[in-house]
N, C-alpha and C. Protein backbone atom coordinates (compact mmCIF):
# COMPACT_ATOMS: atom_id res chain seq x y z
N MET A 1 -10.53 -15.51 2.13
CA MET A 1 -10.26 -15.02 0.76
C MET A 1 -8.99 -15.75 0.22
N GLU A 2 -9.52 -16.26 -0.99
CA GLU A 2 -8.24 -16.77 -1.43
C GLU A 2 -7.33 -15.88 -2.33
N LEU A 3 -6.27 -16.41 -2.69
CA LEU A 3 -4.96 -15.80 -3.44
C LEU A 3 -5.83 -14.88 -4.78
N LYS A 4 -6.79 -15.75 -5.29
CA LYS A 4 -7.21 -14.70 -6.65
C LYS A 4 -7.75 -13.98 -6.56
N ASP A 5 -8.59 -13.61 -5.11
CA ASP A 5 -9.47 -12.71 -4.77
C ASP A 5 -8.43 -11.78 -4.38
N ARG A 6 -7.41 -12.20 -3.66
CA ARG A 6 -6.52 -10.64 -3.18
C ARG A 6 -6.14 -10.09 -4.70
N MET A 7 -5.55 -11.20 -5.49
CA MET A 7 -4.84 -10.66 -6.56
C MET A 7 -5.40 -9.51 -7.27
N GLN A 8 -7.14 -9.94 -7.34
CA GLN A 8 -7.94 -9.20 -8.20
C GLN A 8 -8.49 -7.94 -7.23
N MET A 9 -8.19 -8.03 -5.96
CA MET A 9 -8.57 -6.61 -5.11
C MET A 9 -7.12 -5.88 -5.52
N LEU A 10 -5.68 -6.36 -5.66
CA LEU A 10 -4.92 -5.61 -6.11
C LEU A 10 -4.65 -4.74 -7.28
N LEU A 11 -5.30 -5.53 -8.57
CA LEU A 11 -5.49 -4.76 -9.74
C LEU A 11 -6.58 -3.95 -9.62
N ASP A 12 -7.44 -4.11 -9.10
CA ASP A 12 -8.73 -3.08 -8.88
C ASP A 12 -8.42 -1.98 -8.19
N GLU A 13 -7.80 -1.96 -6.89
CA GLU A 13 -7.73 -1.05 -6.51
C GLU A 13 -6.30 -0.25 -6.90
N GLN A 14 -5.34 -1.01 -7.82
CA GLN A 14 -4.34 -0.16 -8.37
C GLN A 14 -4.60 0.37 -9.71
N ASN A 15 -5.92 -0.33 -10.22
CA ASN A 15 -5.98 0.21 -11.59
C ASN A 15 -5.21 -0.10 -12.60
N ILE A 16 -4.94 -1.16 -12.40
CA ILE A 16 -3.95 -1.95 -13.41
C ILE A 16 -4.33 -3.44 -14.00
N LYS A 17 -3.83 -3.06 -15.27
CA LYS A 17 -4.31 -4.08 -16.16
C LYS A 17 -3.28 -5.52 -15.85
N ARG A 18 -3.89 -6.71 -16.29
CA ARG A 18 -2.83 -7.99 -15.73
C ARG A 18 -1.47 -7.94 -16.73
N LYS A 19 -1.73 -7.44 -17.75
CA LYS A 19 -0.53 -7.41 -18.58
C LYS A 19 0.61 -6.77 -17.96
N ASP A 20 0.17 -5.06 -17.46
CA ASP A 20 1.00 -4.47 -16.72
C ASP A 20 1.70 -5.19 -15.66
N PHE A 21 0.66 -5.51 -14.75
CA PHE A 21 0.98 -6.13 -13.68
C PHE A 21 1.91 -7.10 -13.68
N ALA A 22 2.06 -7.92 -14.65
CA ALA A 22 2.67 -9.08 -14.85
C ALA A 22 4.04 -8.37 -15.25
N CYS A 23 4.26 -7.55 -16.09
CA CYS A 23 5.31 -7.04 -16.84
C CYS A 23 6.12 -6.38 -15.28
N THR A 24 5.49 -5.66 -14.53
CA THR A 24 6.08 -5.09 -13.71
C THR A 24 6.64 -6.21 -12.60
N ILE A 25 5.86 -7.41 -12.33
CA ILE A 25 6.43 -8.37 -11.57
C ILE A 25 7.31 -9.13 -12.18
N LYS A 26 7.72 -9.42 -13.40
CA LYS A 26 8.59 -10.00 -14.13
C LYS A 26 8.01 -11.39 -14.43
N VAL A 27 6.58 -11.70 -14.41
CA VAL A 27 6.11 -12.77 -14.60
C VAL A 27 5.47 -12.96 -16.17
N THR A 28 4.94 -14.16 -16.62
CA THR A 28 3.73 -14.03 -17.77
C THR A 28 2.44 -13.52 -17.63
N GLU A 29 1.86 -12.85 -18.30
CA GLU A 29 0.35 -12.63 -18.15
C GLU A 29 -0.26 -13.76 -18.01
N GLY A 30 0.09 -14.94 -18.72
CA GLY A 30 -0.53 -16.12 -18.25
C GLY A 30 -0.42 -16.44 -16.86
N TYR A 31 0.95 -16.38 -16.37
CA TYR A 31 0.67 -16.59 -14.83
C TYR A 31 -0.17 -16.18 -14.13
N VAL A 32 -0.14 -14.67 -14.39
CA VAL A 32 -1.02 -13.84 -13.65
C VAL A 32 -2.51 -14.51 -13.76
N SER A 33 -2.85 -14.65 -15.04
CA SER A 33 -3.97 -15.25 -15.44
C SER A 33 -4.63 -16.42 -14.74
N ASN A 34 -3.80 -17.28 -14.45
CA ASN A 34 -3.65 -18.74 -13.70
C ASN A 34 -4.03 -18.30 -12.30
N ILE A 35 -3.31 -17.23 -11.84
CA ILE A 35 -3.60 -16.98 -10.15
C ILE A 35 -5.19 -16.60 -10.31
N LEU A 36 -5.62 -15.62 -11.35
CA LEU A 36 -6.90 -15.09 -11.05
C LEU A 36 -8.21 -15.59 -11.16
N ASN A 37 -7.73 -17.11 -12.34
CA ASN A 37 -8.77 -17.92 -12.55
C ASN A 37 -8.73 -19.09 -11.76
N GLY A 38 -7.98 -19.21 -10.30
CA GLY A 38 -7.89 -20.20 -9.33
C GLY A 38 -7.05 -21.49 -9.87
N LYS A 39 -6.63 -21.37 -10.98
CA LYS A 39 -5.58 -22.54 -11.15
C LYS A 39 -4.29 -22.67 -10.71
N ARG A 40 -3.76 -21.45 -9.98
CA ARG A 40 -2.74 -21.30 -9.20
C ARG A 40 -3.21 -20.89 -7.73
N ASP A 41 -3.10 -21.45 -6.90
CA ASP A 41 -3.26 -20.96 -5.73
C ASP A 41 -2.52 -20.67 -4.58
N HIS A 42 -0.78 -20.53 -4.85
CA HIS A 42 0.14 -20.06 -4.01
C HIS A 42 1.07 -19.54 -5.24
N ILE A 43 1.91 -18.77 -4.76
CA ILE A 43 3.09 -18.06 -5.43
C ILE A 43 4.35 -17.96 -4.30
N SER A 44 5.30 -17.89 -4.84
CA SER A 44 6.57 -18.07 -3.89
C SER A 44 6.76 -16.72 -3.22
N ASP A 45 7.63 -16.78 -2.04
CA ASP A 45 7.64 -15.69 -1.03
C ASP A 45 8.66 -14.69 -1.91
N SER A 46 9.36 -15.01 -2.89
CA SER A 46 10.29 -13.70 -3.15
C SER A 46 9.04 -13.09 -4.08
N LEU A 47 8.06 -13.82 -4.93
CA LEU A 47 6.95 -12.97 -5.66
C LEU A 47 6.50 -12.19 -4.83
N ALA A 48 5.97 -12.32 -3.65
CA ALA A 48 5.10 -11.60 -2.65
C ALA A 48 5.99 -10.86 -2.20
N LEU A 49 7.12 -10.75 -1.98
CA LEU A 49 8.22 -9.53 -1.42
C LEU A 49 8.28 -8.70 -2.78
N LEU A 50 8.40 -9.09 -3.75
CA LEU A 50 8.13 -8.10 -4.93
C LEU A 50 7.27 -7.34 -5.15
N ILE A 51 6.32 -7.88 -4.88
CA ILE A 51 4.72 -7.25 -5.06
C ILE A 51 4.93 -6.24 -4.17
N GLU A 52 5.25 -6.81 -2.92
CA GLU A 52 4.74 -5.70 -1.55
C GLU A 52 6.09 -4.12 -1.77
N GLN A 53 7.19 -4.62 -2.56
CA GLN A 53 8.01 -3.60 -2.83
C GLN A 53 7.66 -2.61 -3.80
N LYS A 54 6.87 -3.31 -4.92
CA LYS A 54 6.25 -2.45 -6.21
C LYS A 54 4.82 -1.64 -5.91
N TYR A 55 3.96 -2.46 -5.11
CA TYR A 55 2.91 -1.95 -4.95
C TYR A 55 2.32 -1.78 -3.19
N GLY A 56 3.02 -2.03 -2.12
CA GLY A 56 2.76 -1.59 -1.19
C GLY A 56 2.09 -2.65 -0.14
N TYR A 57 1.70 -3.67 -0.75
CA TYR A 57 0.81 -5.04 0.05
C TYR A 57 1.72 -5.66 0.62
N SER A 58 1.54 -6.01 1.70
CA SER A 58 2.24 -6.89 2.56
C SER A 58 2.09 -8.21 1.85
N ALA A 59 3.55 -8.54 1.87
CA ALA A 59 3.75 -10.30 1.59
C ALA A 59 2.98 -11.04 2.39
N GLN A 60 2.94 -11.23 3.70
CA GLN A 60 2.21 -12.02 4.44
C GLN A 60 0.75 -12.25 3.74
N TRP A 61 0.22 -10.90 3.79
CA TRP A 61 -1.31 -10.67 3.66
C TRP A 61 -1.61 -11.36 1.97
N ILE A 62 -0.42 -11.00 1.09
CA ILE A 62 -0.50 -11.58 -0.13
C ILE A 62 -0.33 -13.24 0.07
N LEU A 63 0.19 -13.59 0.60
CA LEU A 63 0.54 -15.06 0.71
C LEU A 63 -0.64 -16.10 1.46
N THR A 64 -1.30 -15.23 2.60
CA THR A 64 -1.88 -15.81 3.44
C THR A 64 -3.31 -15.10 3.60
N GLY A 65 -3.34 -14.00 3.41
CA GLY A 65 -4.62 -13.42 3.59
C GLY A 65 -4.82 -13.25 5.04
N LYS A 66 -3.69 -12.95 5.85
CA LYS A 66 -3.71 -12.68 7.11
C LYS A 66 -3.12 -11.44 7.30
N GLY A 67 -3.14 -10.80 8.14
CA GLY A 67 -2.33 -9.59 9.09
C GLY A 67 -2.62 -8.29 7.99
N GLU A 68 -2.22 -7.28 8.00
CA GLU A 68 -2.53 -5.99 7.48
C GLU A 68 -2.28 -6.22 6.08
N ARG A 69 -3.27 -5.49 5.56
CA ARG A 69 -3.16 -5.34 3.67
C ARG A 69 -1.94 -4.81 3.16
N TYR A 70 -1.87 -3.66 3.91
CA TYR A 70 -0.58 -2.78 3.39
C TYR A 70 0.65 -2.86 4.11
N ALA A 71 1.68 -2.75 3.36
CA ALA A 71 3.06 -2.90 4.27
C ALA A 71 3.06 -1.63 4.62
N LEU A 72 3.93 -1.37 5.78
CA LEU A 72 4.42 -0.09 6.14
C LEU A 72 5.41 0.35 5.72
N GLN A 73 5.23 1.63 5.34
CA GLN A 73 6.27 2.42 4.64
C GLN A 73 7.13 3.19 5.55
N SER A 74 6.88 3.47 6.77
CA SER A 74 7.31 4.41 8.02
C SER A 74 8.88 3.90 8.34
N LYS A 75 9.55 3.38 7.57
CA LYS A 75 10.87 2.84 7.92
C LYS A 75 12.00 3.55 7.60
N VAL A 76 11.28 5.34 7.00
CA VAL A 76 12.65 5.64 6.84
C VAL A 76 13.38 6.34 7.68
N PRO A 77 14.92 6.29 7.60
CA PRO A 77 15.85 6.50 8.52
C PRO A 77 16.03 7.96 9.05
N ASN A 78 15.80 8.21 10.54
CA ASN A 78 16.38 9.84 10.80
C ASN A 78 14.88 10.40 11.23
N LEU A 79 13.88 9.78 11.18
CA LEU A 79 12.72 10.18 11.54
C LEU A 79 12.26 10.00 13.26
N SER A 80 11.98 10.85 13.83
CA SER A 80 11.57 10.73 15.07
C SER A 80 10.57 9.44 15.52
N PRO A 81 10.51 8.89 16.62
CA PRO A 81 9.73 7.72 16.84
C PRO A 81 8.24 8.48 16.70
N THR A 82 7.98 9.56 17.14
CA THR A 82 6.63 10.18 17.46
C THR A 82 6.01 10.23 15.52
N LYS A 83 7.00 10.85 14.60
CA LYS A 83 6.84 10.83 13.40
C LYS A 83 6.54 9.65 12.69
N LYS A 84 7.51 8.63 13.08
CA LYS A 84 6.92 7.27 12.80
C LYS A 84 5.97 6.57 12.93
N ARG A 85 5.51 6.65 14.03
CA ARG A 85 4.55 6.39 14.53
C ARG A 85 3.10 6.98 13.71
N LEU A 86 3.13 8.32 13.65
CA LEU A 86 2.04 9.13 12.85
C LEU A 86 2.07 8.52 11.17
N ILE A 87 2.89 8.35 10.72
CA ILE A 87 3.03 7.83 9.23
C ILE A 87 2.61 6.57 9.28
N ALA A 88 2.72 5.84 10.38
CA ALA A 88 2.34 4.22 10.60
C ALA A 88 0.64 4.28 10.62
N GLN A 89 0.14 5.23 11.45
CA GLN A 89 -1.13 5.53 11.48
C GLN A 89 -1.85 6.14 9.96
N ILE A 90 -1.18 7.11 9.77
CA ILE A 90 -1.93 7.49 8.45
C ILE A 90 -2.04 6.63 7.17
N GLU A 91 -1.02 5.75 7.22
CA GLU A 91 -0.91 4.58 6.32
C GLU A 91 -1.94 3.53 6.31
N LYS A 92 -2.63 3.47 7.46
CA LYS A 92 -3.77 2.57 7.97
C LYS A 92 -5.14 3.11 7.35
N MET A 93 -5.17 4.41 6.94
CA MET A 93 -6.27 5.34 7.11
C MET A 93 -6.96 5.12 5.70
N SER A 94 -8.26 5.36 5.46
CA SER A 94 -8.92 5.22 4.24
C SER A 94 -8.67 6.75 3.40
N ASP A 95 -9.11 6.69 2.45
CA ASP A 95 -8.78 8.17 1.62
C ASP A 95 -9.66 9.19 2.43
N SER A 96 -10.72 9.02 2.95
CA SER A 96 -11.26 9.76 3.26
C SER A 96 -11.19 10.48 4.70
N GLU A 97 -10.68 9.64 5.14
CA GLU A 97 -9.79 10.14 6.56
C GLU A 97 -8.64 10.86 6.13
N ILE A 98 -7.72 10.18 4.96
CA ILE A 98 -6.61 11.02 5.06
C ILE A 98 -7.10 12.75 4.23
N ASN A 99 -8.29 12.63 3.70
CA ASN A 99 -8.80 14.11 3.40
C ASN A 99 -9.06 14.87 4.16
N ALA A 100 -9.58 14.31 5.26
CA ALA A 100 -9.98 15.08 6.62
C ALA A 100 -8.58 15.57 7.27
N ILE A 101 -7.41 14.59 6.94
CA ILE A 101 -5.98 14.83 7.63
C ILE A 101 -5.43 16.44 6.96
N LYS A 102 -5.54 15.89 5.59
CA LYS A 102 -5.04 17.11 4.67
C LYS A 102 -5.71 18.43 4.98
N VAL A 103 -7.05 18.26 5.00
CA VAL A 103 -7.81 20.12 5.20
C VAL A 103 -7.34 20.37 6.68
N PHE A 104 -7.18 19.52 7.75
CA PHE A 104 -6.57 19.91 9.03
C PHE A 104 -5.20 20.76 8.52
N ILE A 105 -4.06 20.02 7.78
CA ILE A 105 -3.00 20.55 7.95
C ILE A 105 -2.87 21.86 7.09
N GLU A 106 -3.86 21.84 6.33
CA GLU A 106 -3.67 23.22 5.22
C GLU A 106 -4.57 24.29 6.05
N SER A 107 -5.59 23.93 7.16
CA SER A 107 -5.84 25.11 8.18
C SER A 107 -4.69 25.61 9.06
N LEU A 108 -4.13 24.34 9.55
CA LEU A 108 -3.12 24.59 10.26
C LEU A 108 -1.84 25.49 9.73
N ASP A 109 -1.66 25.60 8.47
CA ASP A 109 -0.86 26.46 7.61
C ASP A 109 -1.35 27.83 7.46
N LYS A 110 -2.47 28.04 7.06
CA LYS A 110 -3.23 29.05 7.61
C LYS A 110 -3.35 30.07 8.46
N TYR A 111 -3.26 29.17 9.74
CA TYR A 111 -3.34 29.50 11.02
C TYR A 111 -2.03 30.48 11.05
N LYS A 112 -0.86 29.41 10.86
CA LYS A 112 0.53 29.88 11.13
C LYS A 112 1.15 30.99 10.44
N GLU A 113 0.39 31.07 9.11
CA GLU A 113 0.29 32.20 8.28
C GLU A 113 -0.05 33.57 8.64
N ALA A 114 -1.00 33.29 9.18
CA ALA A 114 -1.99 34.70 9.63
C ALA A 114 -1.48 35.33 11.18
N PHE A 115 -0.90 34.36 11.79
CA PHE A 115 -0.34 34.81 13.30
C PHE A 115 1.13 34.68 13.10
N GLN A 116 1.63 34.59 11.77
CA GLN A 116 3.23 34.42 11.70
C GLN A 116 4.05 33.68 12.33
N ILE A 117 3.65 32.57 12.78
CA ILE A 117 4.62 31.58 13.42
C ILE A 117 5.19 30.56 12.30
N LYS A 118 6.33 30.50 12.72
CA LYS A 118 7.40 29.74 12.04
C LYS A 118 7.52 28.04 12.52
N ASN A 119 7.84 27.53 11.52
CA ASN A 119 7.79 26.11 11.86
C ASN A 119 8.96 25.98 12.73
N THR A 120 9.06 24.83 13.73
CA THR A 120 10.25 24.59 14.66
C THR A 120 10.73 23.43 14.45
């Protein structure tokens, strides 16, 4: 997959227009168009890192197409290793898998409420 394909995928998944994307990453709309048209087949490491920060796509994946598509966001301080591991797993799930987890959590909340169990 070429850079132009990865960028188009990002725009499609984020449902964002070229102009808005360009504004967010502080480049011209023409620059983005050149990437999407295949006239530019690489971007700088710093731009890839900015895209990672703004949109959550791994800079490595943006630059090379290799590795995980999404950067892990589970680096919040003061989380236990178990919570970090679970968050990292959730970050890799599809929307349908996340919806299943949400249903489970909601059912767990109802169970705790029914049996008057407090969070520990």
